Amino acid sequence: MPRMRAKSDLPQKTCAACGRPFAWRKKWARDWGEVKTCSERCKGELRRAGRVARRADAARA
């Protein structure tokens, strides 16, 4: 049986939405390179922020 790793030994990233650090999870093993946010909530906030920015740019043009 493989030995367990401490959470502090796992790779970490900073969330693009909230700025908090988050650690690698087994469910992200396949696409760890594409993971940008720590949760579904932050993912939604990032999308909403992008949508608002695009609307503001369209209004200026």
PDB file of N, CA and C in Angstrom:
ATOM      1  N   MET A   1       0.846  -1.173   0.000  1.00  0.00           N
ATOM      2  CA  MET A   1       0.000   0.000   0.000  1.00  0.00           C
ATOM      3  C   MET A   1       0.897   1.243   0.000  1.00  0.00           C
ATOM      4  N   PRO A   2       0.618   2.225  -0.892  1.00  0.00           N
ATOM      5  CA  PRO A   2       1.459   3.426  -0.943  1.00  0.00           C
ATOM      6  C   PRO A   2       1.301   4.284   0.298  1.00  0.00           C
ATOM      7  N   ARG A   3       2.379   4.968   0.619  1.00  0.00           N
ATOM      8  CA  ARG A   3       2.338   5.862   1.778  1.00  0.00           C
ATOM      9  C   ARG A   3       1.568   7.120   1.440  1.00  0.00           C
ATOM     10  N   MET A   4       0.879   7.659   2.417  1.00  0.00           N
ATOM     11  CA  MET A   4       0.128   8.894   2.215  1.00  0.00           C
ATOM     12  C   MET A   4       1.084  10.080   2.271  1.00  0.00           C
ATOM     13  N   ARG A   5       0.767  11.123   1.546  1.00  0.00           N
ATOM     14  CA  ARG A   5       1.563  12.343   1.550  1.00  0.00           C
ATOM     15  C   ARG A   5       0.884  13.379   2.429  1.00  0.00           C
ATOM     16  N   ALA A   6       1.688  14.207   3.038  1.00  0.00           N
ATOM     17  CA  ALA A   6       1.140  15.318   3.814  1.00  0.00           C
ATOM     18  C   ALA A   6       0.635  16.373   2.839  1.00  0.00           C
ATOM     19  N   LYS A   7      -0.429  17.061   3.199  1.00  0.00           N
ATOM     20  CA  LYS A   7      -0.996  18.069   2.319  1.00  0.00           C
ATOM     21  C   LYS A   7       0.017  19.165   1.996  1.00  0.00           C
ATOM     22  N   SER A   8       0.929  19.433   2.922  1.00  0.00           N
ATOM     23  CA  SER A   8       1.943  20.461   2.697  1.00  0.00           C
ATOM     24  C   SER A   8       2.957  20.041   1.633  1.00  0.00           C
ATOM     25  N   ASP A   9       3.048  18.734   1.333  1.00  0.00           N
ATOM     26  CA  ASP A   9       3.978  18.241   0.309  1.00  0.00           C
ATOM     27  C   ASP A   9       3.384  18.287  -1.096  1.00  0.00           C
ATOM     28  N   LEU A  10       2.098  18.528  -1.218  1.00  0.00           N
ATOM     29  CA  LEU A  10       1.438  18.554  -2.525  1.00  0.00           C
ATOM     30  C   LEU A  10       1.689  19.887  -3.221  1.00  0.00           C
ATOM     31  N   PRO A  11       1.664  19.902  -4.569  1.00  0.00           N
ATOM     32  CA  PRO A  11       1.840  21.168  -5.282  1.00  0.00           C
ATOM     33  C   PRO A  11       0.682  22.128  -4.987  1.00  0.00           C
ATOM     34  N   GLN A  12       0.977  23.417  -5.018  1.00  0.00           N
ATOM     35  CA  GLN A  12      -0.036  24.431  -4.743  1.00  0.00           C
ATOM     36  C   GLN A  12      -0.091  25.457  -5.860  1.00  0.00           C
ATOM     37  N   LYS A  13      -1.244  26.116  -5.972  1.00  0.00           N
ATOM     38  CA  LYS A  13      -1.460  27.229  -6.893  1.00  0.00           C
ATOM     39  C   LYS A  13      -2.221  28.305  -6.140  1.00  0.00           C
ATOM     40  N   THR A  14      -2.276  29.487  -6.726  1.00  0.00           N
ATOM     41  CA  THR A  14      -3.064  30.576  -6.167  1.00  0.00           C
ATOM     42  C   THR A  14      -4.317  30.732  -7.012  1.00  0.00           C
ATOM     43  N   CYS A  15      -5.463  30.852  -6.380  1.00  0.00           N
ATOM     44  CA  CYS A  15      -6.740  30.986  -7.069  1.00  0.00           C
ATOM     45  C   CYS A  15      -6.777  32.309  -7.829  1.00  0.00           C
ATOM     46  N   ALA A  16      -7.214  32.268  -9.081  1.00  0.00           N
ATOM     47  CA  ALA A  16      -7.289  33.466  -9.908  1.00  0.00           C
ATOM     48  C   ALA A  16      -8.418  34.394  -9.477  1.00  0.00           C
ATOM     49  N   ALA A  17      -9.407  33.878  -8.775  1.00  0.00           N
ATOM     50  CA  ALA A  17     -10.551  34.689  -8.361  1.00  0.00           C
ATOM     51  C   ALA A  17     -10.372  35.295  -6.973  1.00  0.00           C
ATOM     52  N   CYS A  18     -10.030  34.459  -5.998  1.00  0.00           N
ATOM     53  CA  CYS A  18      -9.978  34.944  -4.608  1.00  0.00           C
ATOM     54  C   CYS A  18      -8.558  35.189  -4.104  1.00  0.00           C
ATOM     55  N   GLY A  19      -7.560  34.679  -4.807  1.00  0.00           N
ATOM     56  CA  GLY A  19      -6.177  34.910  -4.417  1.00  0.00           C
ATOM     57  C   GLY A  19      -5.653  34.005  -3.317  1.00  0.00           C
ATOM     58  N   ARG A  20      -6.451  33.051  -2.868  1.00  0.00           N
ATOM     59  CA  ARG A  20      -6.012  32.132  -1.811  1.00  0.00           C
ATOM     60  C   ARG A  20      -5.264  30.947  -2.427  1.00  0.00           C
ATOM     61  N   PRO A  21      -4.295  30.396  -1.692  1.00  0.00           N
ATOM     62  CA  PRO A  21      -3.598  29.202  -2.192  1.00  0.00           C
ATOM     63  C   PRO A  21      -4.486  27.965  -2.038  1.00  0.00           C
ATOM     64  N   PHE A  22      -4.358  27.046  -2.981  1.00  0.00           N
ATOM     65  CA  PHE A  22      -5.066  25.771  -2.871  1.00  0.00           C
ATOM     66  C   PHE A  22      -4.144  24.656  -3.341  1.00  0.00           C
ATOM     67  N   ALA A  23      -4.337  23.475  -2.780  1.00  0.00           N
ATOM     68  CA  ALA A  23      -3.463  22.339  -3.039  1.00  0.00           C
ATOM     69  C   ALA A  23      -4.052  21.404  -4.089  1.00  0.00           C
ATOM     70  N   TRP A  24      -3.177  20.607  -4.672  1.00  0.00           N
ATOM     71  CA  TRP A  24      -3.533  19.605  -5.664  1.00  0.00           C
ATOM     72  C   TRP A  24      -4.542  18.626  -5.077  1.00  0.00           C
ATOM     73  N   ARG A  25      -5.483  18.187  -5.925  1.00  0.00           N
ATOM     74  CA  ARG A  25      -6.460  17.173  -5.529  1.00  0.00           C
ATOM     75  C   ARG A  25      -6.426  16.056  -6.553  1.00  0.00           C
ATOM     76  N   LYS A  26      -6.714  14.865  -6.112  1.00  0.00           N
ATOM     77  CA  LYS A  26      -6.643  13.709  -7.005  1.00  0.00           C
ATOM     78  C   LYS A  26      -7.568  13.863  -8.209  1.00  0.00           C
ATOM     79  N   LYS A  27      -8.738  14.483  -7.997  1.00  0.00           N
ATOM     80  CA  LYS A  27      -9.676  14.635  -9.116  1.00  0.00           C
ATOM     81  C   LYS A  27      -9.162  15.604 -10.183  1.00  0.00           C
ATOM     82  N   TRP A  28      -8.138  16.405  -9.840  1.00  0.00           N
ATOM     83  CA  TRP A  28      -7.533  17.329 -10.811  1.00  0.00           C
ATOM     84  C   TRP A  28      -6.277  16.741 -11.455  1.00  0.00           C
ATOM     85  N   ALA A  29      -5.986  15.473 -11.226  1.00  0.00           N
ATOM     86  CA  ALA A  29      -4.740  14.858 -11.691  1.00  0.00           C
ATOM     87  C   ALA A  29      -4.564  14.983 -13.206  1.00  0.00           C
ATOM     88  N   ARG A  30      -5.627  14.769 -13.965  1.00  0.00           N
ATOM     89  CA  ARG A  30      -5.524  14.817 -15.423  1.00  0.00           C
ATOM     90  C   ARG A  30      -5.286  16.217 -15.962  1.00  0.00           C
ATOM     91  N   ASP A  31      -5.900  17.226 -15.348  1.00  0.00           N
ATOM     92  CA  ASP A  31      -5.832  18.576 -15.909  1.00  0.00           C
ATOM     93  C   ASP A  31      -5.339  19.620 -14.904  1.00  0.00           C
ATOM     94  N   TRP A  32      -4.351  19.278 -14.092  1.00  0.00           N
ATOM     95  CA  TRP A  32      -3.811  20.209 -13.103  1.00  0.00           C
ATOM     96  C   TRP A  32      -3.265  21.461 -13.789  1.00  0.00           C
ATOM     97  N   GLY A  33      -2.759  21.330 -14.999  1.00  0.00           N
ATOM     98  CA  GLY A  33      -2.228  22.483 -15.735  1.00  0.00           C
ATOM     99  C   GLY A  33      -3.289  23.515 -16.088  1.00  0.00           C
ATOM    100  N   GLU A  34      -4.521  23.098 -16.270  1.00  0.00           N
ATOM    101  CA  GLU A  34      -5.601  24.016 -16.642  1.00  0.00           C
ATOM    102  C   GLU A  34      -6.388  24.555 -15.456  1.00  0.00           C
ATOM    103  N   VAL A  35      -6.222  23.986 -14.273  1.00  0.00           N
ATOM    104  CA  VAL A  35      -6.969  24.420 -13.091  1.00  0.00           C
ATOM    105  C   VAL A  35      -6.515  25.820 -12.691  1.00  0.00           C
ATOM    106  N   LYS A  36      -7.489  26.753 -12.577  1.00  0.00           N
ATOM    107  CA  LYS A  36      -7.173  28.141 -12.240  1.00  0.00           C
ATOM    108  C   LYS A  36      -7.837  28.609 -10.958  1.00  0.00           C
ATOM    109  N   THR A  37      -8.930  27.950 -10.581  1.00  0.00           N
ATOM    110  CA  THR A  37      -9.680  28.388  -9.406  1.00  0.00           C
ATOM    111  C   THR A  37      -9.785  27.269  -8.385  1.00  0.00           C
ATOM    112  N   CYS A  38     -10.024  27.653  -7.125  1.00  0.00           N
ATOM    113  CA  CYS A  38     -10.068  26.679  -6.038  1.00  0.00           C
ATOM    114  C   CYS A  38     -11.429  26.006  -5.899  1.00  0.00           C
ATOM    115  N   SER A  39     -12.483  26.600  -6.458  1.00  0.00           N
ATOM    116  CA  SER A  39     -13.821  26.027  -6.272  1.00  0.00           C
ATOM    117  C   SER A  39     -14.742  26.434  -7.415  1.00  0.00           C
ATOM    118  N   GLU A  40     -15.897  25.816  -7.453  1.00  0.00           N
ATOM    119  CA  GLU A  40     -16.915  26.166  -8.454  1.00  0.00           C
ATOM    120  C   GLU A  40     -17.404  27.603  -8.239  1.00  0.00           C
ATOM    121  N   ARG A  41     -17.503  28.021  -6.994  1.00  0.00           N
ATOM    122  CA  ARG A  41     -17.947  29.374  -6.687  1.00  0.00           C
ATOM    123  C   ARG A  41     -16.970  30.405  -7.278  1.00  0.00           C
ATOM    124  N   CYS A  42     -15.688  30.197  -7.073  1.00  0.00           N
ATOM    125  CA  CYS A  42     -14.686  31.117  -7.623  1.00  0.00           C
ATOM    126  C   CYS A  42     -14.691  31.085  -9.152  1.00  0.00           C
ATOM    127  N   LYS A  43     -14.937  29.922  -9.710  1.00  0.00           N
ATOM    128  CA  LYS A  43     -15.015  29.792 -11.162  1.00  0.00           C
ATOM    129  C   LYS A  43     -16.160  30.642 -11.707  1.00  0.00           C
ATOM    130  N   GLY A  44     -17.307  30.614 -11.032  1.00  0.00           N
ATOM    131  CA  GLY A  44     -18.450  31.433 -11.429  1.00  0.00           C
ATOM    132  C   GLY A  44     -18.176  32.916 -11.277  1.00  0.00           C
ATOM    133  N   GLU A  45     -17.504  33.293 -10.198  1.00  0.00           N
ATOM    134  CA  GLU A  45     -17.166  34.706  -9.981  1.00  0.00           C
ATOM    135  C   GLU A  45     -16.221  35.209 -11.061  1.00  0.00           C
ATOM    136  N   LEU A  46     -15.263  34.381 -11.453  1.00  0.00           N
ATOM    137  CA  LEU A  46     -14.320  34.755 -12.503  1.00  0.00           C
ATOM    138  C   LEU A  46     -15.045  34.946 -13.838  1.00  0.00           C
ATOM    139  N   ARG A  47     -15.994  34.066 -14.125  1.00  0.00           N
ATOM    140  CA  ARG A  47     -16.782  34.194 -15.367  1.00  0.00           C
ATOM    141  C   ARG A  47     -17.629  35.465 -15.347  1.00  0.00           C
ATOM    142  N   ARG A  48     -18.270  35.739 -14.201  1.00  0.00           N
ATOM    143  CA  ARG A  48     -19.096  36.944 -14.089  1.00  0.00           C
ATOM    144  C   ARG A  48     -18.254  38.206 -14.254  1.00  0.00           C
ATOM    145  N   ALA A  49     -17.075  38.216 -13.687  1.00  0.00           N
ATOM    146  CA  ALA A  49     -16.193  39.375 -13.795  1.00  0.00           C
ATOM    147  C   ALA A  49     -15.779  39.599 -15.250  1.00  0.00           C
ATOM    148  N   GLY A  50     -15.513  38.530 -15.962  1.00  0.00           N
ATOM    149  CA  GLY A  50     -15.154  38.630 -17.378  1.00  0.00           C
ATOM    150  C   GLY A  50     -16.315  39.134 -18.218  1.00  0.00           C
ATOM    151  N   ARG A  51     -17.508  38.669 -17.898  1.00  0.00           N
ATOM    152  CA  ARG A  51     -18.699  39.096 -18.624  1.00  0.00           C
ATOM    153  C   ARG A  51     -18.952  40.589 -18.422  1.00  0.00           C
ATOM    154  N   VAL A  52     -18.802  41.063 -17.190  1.00  0.00           N
ATOM    155  CA  VAL A  52     -19.013  42.473 -16.870  1.00  0.00           C
ATOM    156  C   VAL A  52     -17.979  43.339 -17.585  1.00  0.00           C
ATOM    157  N   ALA A  53     -16.738  42.864 -17.632  1.00  0.00           N
ATOM    158  CA  ALA A  53     -15.671  43.620 -18.297  1.00  0.00           C
ATOM    159  C   ALA A  53     -15.946  43.734 -19.804  1.00  0.00           C
ATOM    160  N   ARG A  54     -16.417  42.648 -20.404  1.00  0.00           N
ATOM    161  CA  ARG A  54     -16.726  42.689 -21.845  1.00  0.00           C
ATOM    162  C   ARG A  54     -17.868  43.643 -22.136  1.00  0.00           C
ATOM    163  N   ARG A  55     -18.876  43.680 -21.266  1.00  0.00           N
ATOM    164  CA  ARG A  55     -19.998  44.602 -21.455  1.00  0.00           C
ATOM    165  C   ARG A  55     -19.530  46.048 -21.350  1.00  0.00           C
ATOM    166  N   ALA A  56     -18.636  46.323 -20.404  1.00  0.00           N
ATOM    167  CA  ALA A  56     -18.109  47.684 -20.237  1.00  0.00           C
ATOM    168  C   ALA A  56     -17.315  48.106 -21.464  1.00  0.00           C
ATOM    169  N   ASP A  57     -16.527  47.195 -22.016  1.00  0.00           N
ATOM    170  CA  ASP A  57     -15.756  47.506 -23.225  1.00  0.00           C
ATOM    171  C   ASP A  57     -16.680  47.769 -24.412  1.00  0.00           C
ATOM    172  N   ALA A  58     -17.752  46.994 -24.528  1.00  0.00           N
ATOM    173  CA  ALA A  58     -18.711  47.171 -25.619  1.00  0.00           C
ATOM    174  C   ALA A  58     -19.443  48.493 -25.477  1.00  0.00           C
ATOM    175  N   ALA A  59     -19.718  48.918 -24.258  1.00  0.00           N
ATOM    176  CA  ALA A  59     -20.430  50.175 -24.034  1.00  0.00           C
ATOM    177  C   ALA A  59     -19.555  51.372 -24.402  1.00  0.00           C
ATOM    178  N   ARG A  60     -18.249  51.250 -24.193  1.00  0.00           N
ATOM    179  CA  ARG A  60     -17.320  52.332 -24.541  1.00  0.00           C
ATOM    180  C   ARG A  60     -17.145  52.483 -26.032  1.00  0.00           C
ATOM    181  N   ALA A  61     -17.299  51.402 -26.770  1.00  0.00           N
ATOM    182  CA  ALA A  61     -17.050  51.426 -28.221  1.00  0.00           C
ATOM    183  C   ALA A  61     -18.224  51.981 -28.990  1.00  0.00           C
TER     184      ALA A  61
END
